[in-house]
Amino acid sequence: MSSKVRSVIAIVVGAVVAFVLVAAIEAIGHSVYPPPPGLDFNNPGQLRIYMQTLPLGAFLFVLAAWLVATFVGALVACFIARTRPLLFAGIIGALILVGTIANLLMIPHPTWFSVTAVVAIPLAAFLASRLAPEQKLMRES
């Protein structure tokens, strides 16, 4: 398999793994901390009040989802790519970070949460890149 194909596969699979993990962990969080019946997520006023009443555990579920997904998705991408782990982990981390920033802009979060997420996501990607062994790929003839 050419290195270009391997690179594309690494990014796609790493991103899919990451976004599936975000959805799964957040779903668990929603089952532990269910939203009140009748909450209209499209109503900014209701959403703001709801976010102000969430317990710490609910925020920690979301934060854990984003960090675990970044770390595991980046690690998967690094193992598939087999080379340049910082690049591939960085791409997955950037994808999750963009999604996170969009979420933070659309839904009001506490400042501590927003700062923690924006700082910790790149760190999770960096950690994954350091744990993924870089392998020298032989040129295919």
Protein backbone atom coordinates (compact mmCIF):
# COMPACT_ATOMS: atom_id res chain seq x y z
CA MET A 1 0.00 0.00 0.00
CA SER A 2 1.42 3.39 -0.93
CA SER A 3 2.22 5.84 1.82
CA LYS A 4 -0.32 8.35 0.43
CA VAL A 5 -3.13 5.80 0.60
CA ARG A 6 -2.01 4.74 4.07
CA SER A 7 -2.00 8.40 5.15
CA VAL A 8 -5.55 9.00 3.92
CA ILE A 9 -6.77 5.80 5.56
CA ALA A 10 -5.04 6.76 8.81
CA ILE A 11 -6.75 10.14 8.94
CA VAL A 12 -10.19 8.82 7.97
CA VAL A 13 -10.11 5.88 10.39
CA GLY A 14 -8.63 7.99 13.20
CA ALA A 15 -11.33 10.65 12.72
CA VAL A 16 -14.15 8.09 12.57
CA VAL A 17 -12.89 6.38 15.73
CA ALA A 18 -12.64 9.74 17.49
CA PHE A 19 -16.11 10.95 16.54
CA VAL A 20 -17.72 7.59 17.37
CA LEU A 21 -16.07 7.72 20.79
CA VAL A 22 -17.32 11.28 21.39
CA ALA A 23 -20.86 10.20 20.54
CA ALA A 24 -20.70 7.03 22.65
CA ILE A 25 -19.22 8.64 25.76
CA GLU A 26 -21.54 11.64 25.54
CA ALA A 27 -24.51 9.26 25.16
CA ILE A 28 -23.46 7.55 28.38
CA GLY A 29 -23.20 10.97 30.01
CA HIS A 30 -26.71 11.86 28.84
CA SER A 31 -28.05 8.65 30.33
CA VAL A 32 -26.39 9.43 33.67
CA TYR A 33 -27.38 13.12 33.54
CA PRO A 34 -30.50 13.22 31.32
CA PRO A 35 -31.78 16.58 30.12
CA PRO A 36 -35.12 17.66 31.53
CA PRO A 37 -38.20 16.58 29.58
CA GLY A 38 -39.33 19.16 27.05
CA LEU A 39 -35.98 20.94 26.80
CA ASP A 40 -35.73 22.63 23.39
CA PHE A 41 -32.07 22.50 22.39
CA ASN A 42 -32.83 25.04 19.65
CA ASN A 43 -33.99 27.63 22.20
CA PRO A 44 -30.90 29.60 23.33
CA GLY A 45 -32.60 30.84 26.52
CA GLN A 46 -33.59 27.34 27.62
CA LEU A 47 -30.19 25.99 26.71
CA ARG A 48 -28.39 28.71 28.70
CA ILE A 49 -30.48 27.99 31.82
CA TYR A 50 -29.98 24.24 31.38
CA MET A 51 -26.20 24.64 31.10
CA GLN A 52 -26.14 26.73 34.29
CA THR A 53 -27.88 23.95 36.23
CA LEU A 54 -25.71 21.05 35.06
CA PRO A 55 -23.71 19.31 37.76
CA LEU A 56 -19.93 19.01 37.51
CA GLY A 57 -20.21 15.33 36.57
CA ALA A 58 -22.12 16.16 33.40
CA PHE A 59 -19.34 18.51 32.26
CA LEU A 60 -16.71 15.92 33.14
CA PHE A 61 -18.44 13.34 30.93
CA VAL A 62 -18.27 15.73 27.97
CA LEU A 63 -14.66 16.65 28.69
CA ALA A 64 -13.73 12.97 29.04
CA ALA A 65 -15.46 12.22 25.74
CA TRP A 66 -13.46 14.85 23.90
CA LEU A 67 -10.14 13.90 25.50
CA VAL A 68 -10.49 10.12 25.22
CA ALA A 69 -11.67 10.47 21.63
CA THR A 70 -8.74 12.73 20.74
CA PHE A 71 -6.20 10.43 22.35
CA VAL A 72 -7.56 7.14 20.94
CA GLY A 73 -8.33 8.56 17.47
CA ALA A 74 -4.86 10.08 17.26
CA LEU A 75 -3.24 6.86 18.43
CA VAL A 76 -5.17 4.85 15.83
CA ALA A 77 -4.14 7.27 13.09
CA CYS A 78 -0.50 7.05 14.18
CA PHE A 79 -0.50 3.25 14.17
CA ILE A 80 -2.08 3.10 10.72
CA ALA A 81 0.20 5.77 9.23
CA ARG A 82 3.32 4.17 10.77
CA THR A 83 5.28 7.37 10.28
CA ARG A 84 5.26 11.03 11.39
CA PRO A 85 3.14 10.45 14.52
CA LEU A 86 3.09 14.12 15.47
CA LEU A 87 1.59 15.03 12.09
CA PHE A 88 -1.16 12.41 12.19
CA ALA A 89 -2.00 12.92 15.86
CA GLY A 90 -2.04 16.65 15.20
CA ILE A 91 -4.52 16.28 12.35
CA ILE A 92 -6.91 14.25 14.50
CA GLY A 93 -6.43 16.65 17.40
CA ALA A 94 -7.16 19.59 15.10
CA LEU A 95 -10.37 17.98 13.83
CA ILE A 96 -11.61 17.40 17.37
CA LEU A 97 -10.52 20.88 18.42
CA VAL A 98 -12.46 22.50 15.56
CA GLY A 99 -15.56 20.51 16.53
CA THR A 100 -15.06 21.47 20.16
CA ILE A 101 -14.68 25.17 19.41
CA ALA A 102 -17.83 25.07 17.27
CA ASN A 103 -19.66 23.41 20.17
CA LEU A 104 -18.34 25.97 22.64
CA LEU A 105 -19.48 28.82 20.39
CA MET A 106 -22.96 27.38 19.86
CA ILE A 107 -23.66 26.27 23.43
CA PRO A 108 -22.71 28.40 26.45
CA HIS A 109 -20.23 26.59 28.70
CA PRO A 110 -18.51 27.69 31.90
CA THR A 111 -15.20 29.45 31.26
CA TRP A 112 -13.20 26.85 33.20
CA PHE A 113 -14.63 24.13 30.95
CA SER A 114 -13.91 25.97 27.70
CA VAL A 115 -10.33 26.79 28.69
CA THR A 116 -9.67 23.25 29.90
CA ALA A 117 -11.02 21.71 26.70
CA VAL A 118 -9.08 24.01 24.36
CA VAL A 119 -5.83 23.39 26.23
CA ALA A 120 -6.26 19.66 26.95
CA ILE A 121 -7.30 18.47 23.48
CA PRO A 122 -3.97 19.40 21.83
CA LEU A 123 -2.17 17.88 24.83
CA ALA A 124 -4.08 14.60 24.37
CA ALA A 125 -3.09 14.52 20.70
CA PHE A 126 0.53 15.28 21.57
CA LEU A 127 0.59 12.51 24.19
CA ALA A 128 -0.77 10.04 21.64
CA SER A 129 1.97 11.05 19.20
CA ARG A 130 4.63 10.43 21.85
CA LEU A 131 3.26 6.98 22.68
CA ALA A 132 2.95 5.83 19.07
CA PRO A 133 6.16 4.23 17.84
CA GLU A 134 7.43 5.67 14.58
CA GLN A 135 8.30 3.01 12.05
CA LYS A 136 10.39 3.45 8.97
CA LEU A 137 8.37 2.54 5.91
CA MET A 138 10.17 0.72 3.16
CA ARG A 139 9.69 2.22 -0.29
CA GLU A 140 7.39 0.12 -2.39
CA SER A 141 8.77 -0.59 -5.84
